[in-house]
Amino acid sequence: MDTPEELGEVSLLEQLRHEKGVSLGQVVADTGVMHKTIRRYERDPMYYPSASALHKLAAYYGVSATEILRDMRARVRAREVLEGRDVAAA
């Protein structure tokens, strides 16, 4: 399967982290959310955050939880279209 970068797909969480200029390790230290968990949220739009992690990350980046979830859903939808599973268009 193509990586998110190969698909031109960078998550809002990863984009916000880069804009803030912090490493993944720094986000872990500042939020208490596990490294593996954050990485998975950034890379896999099918892996939705727990309510606790979602609110911690939203507060950390100064965005709403809804914005993060909308981005994840849009990435799932884009992947479905690319994989030919665009059932809404059928």
Protein backbone atom coordinates (compact mmCIF):
# COMPACT_ATOMS: atom_id res chain seq x y z
CA MET A 1 0.00 0.00 0.00
CA ASP A 2 1.16 3.52 -0.70
CA THR A 3 2.40 5.64 2.20
CA PRO A 4 0.54 8.84 3.13
CA GLU A 5 3.38 10.87 1.62
CA GLU A 6 3.16 8.95 -1.66
CA LEU A 7 -0.55 9.68 -1.80
CA GLY A 8 0.06 13.35 -1.04
CA GLU A 9 -1.86 12.76 2.16
CA VAL A 10 -0.55 14.46 5.29
CA SER A 11 -2.84 14.47 8.28
CA LEU A 12 -3.91 17.62 10.04
CA LEU A 13 -2.20 16.33 13.19
CA GLU A 14 1.11 15.87 11.40
CA GLN A 15 0.75 19.23 9.66
CA LEU A 16 0.05 20.98 12.98
CA ARG A 17 3.02 19.28 14.60
CA HIS A 18 5.33 20.50 11.84
CA GLU A 19 3.86 24.02 11.95
CA LYS A 20 4.40 24.12 15.70
CA GLY A 21 7.97 22.96 15.12
CA VAL A 22 7.89 20.15 17.64
CA SER A 23 9.04 16.58 17.45
CA LEU A 24 6.81 13.62 18.06
CA GLY A 25 8.72 13.05 21.29
CA GLN A 26 7.91 16.57 22.43
CA VAL A 27 4.19 16.05 21.75
CA VAL A 28 4.36 12.87 23.83
CA ALA A 29 6.09 14.70 26.69
CA ASP A 30 3.66 17.62 26.57
CA THR A 31 0.40 15.66 26.20
CA GLY A 32 1.03 12.29 27.81
CA VAL A 33 -0.33 10.53 24.72
CA MET A 34 1.86 7.57 23.75
CA HIS A 35 4.33 7.89 20.85
CA LYS A 36 2.96 4.89 18.97
CA THR A 37 -0.58 6.17 19.40
CA ILE A 38 0.15 9.66 18.05
CA ARG A 39 2.08 8.22 15.11
CA ARG A 40 -0.81 5.95 14.28
CA TYR A 41 -3.28 8.86 14.43
CA GLU A 42 -1.05 10.82 12.09
CA ARG A 43 -0.65 7.98 9.60
CA ASP A 44 -3.81 5.89 9.70
CA PRO A 45 -7.13 7.70 9.23
CA MET A 46 -8.96 4.48 10.11
CA TYR A 47 -7.49 4.61 13.62
CA TYR A 48 -9.64 7.11 15.48
CA PRO A 49 -8.34 8.64 18.71
CA SER A 50 -9.86 7.94 22.08
CA ALA A 51 -11.89 10.85 23.44
CA SER A 52 -9.18 11.59 25.99
CA ALA A 53 -6.33 11.62 23.47
CA LEU A 54 -8.42 13.57 20.97
CA HIS A 55 -9.12 16.35 23.46
CA LYS A 56 -5.51 16.48 24.67
CA LEU A 57 -4.19 16.80 21.11
CA ALA A 58 -6.84 19.33 20.11
CA ALA A 59 -6.00 21.51 23.12
CA TYR A 60 -2.26 21.14 22.48
CA TYR A 61 -2.57 22.30 18.88
CA GLY A 62 -5.29 24.88 19.53
CA VAL A 63 -7.88 23.33 17.23
CA SER A 64 -11.22 21.70 17.87
CA ALA A 65 -11.67 17.96 18.19
CA THR A 66 -14.19 18.27 15.37
CA GLU A 67 -11.50 19.63 13.03
CA ILE A 68 -9.29 16.64 13.72
CA LEU A 69 -12.13 14.18 13.16
CA ARG A 70 -13.23 15.91 9.95
CA ASP A 71 -9.69 15.65 8.61
CA MET A 72 -9.54 11.96 9.46
CA ARG A 73 -12.87 11.31 7.76
CA ALA A 74 -11.81 13.25 4.66
CA ARG A 75 -8.64 11.15 4.46
CA VAL A 76 -10.66 7.93 4.76
CA ARG A 77 -12.94 9.16 1.96
CA ALA A 78 -9.98 10.09 -0.26
CA ARG A 79 -8.46 6.66 0.27
CA GLU A 80 -11.77 4.99 -0.63
CA VAL A 81 -11.94 6.97 -3.87
CA LEU A 82 -8.34 6.11 -4.74
CA GLU A 83 -8.97 2.44 -4.04
CA GLY A 84 -12.13 2.42 -6.14
CA ARG A 85 -14.44 1.97 -3.19
CA ASP A 86 -16.34 5.21 -3.80
CA VAL A 87 -19.77 3.85 -2.89
CA ALA A 88 -21.33 7.32 -2.52
CA ALA A 89 -20.74 8.06 -6.20
CA ALA A 90 -22.34 4.80 -7.31
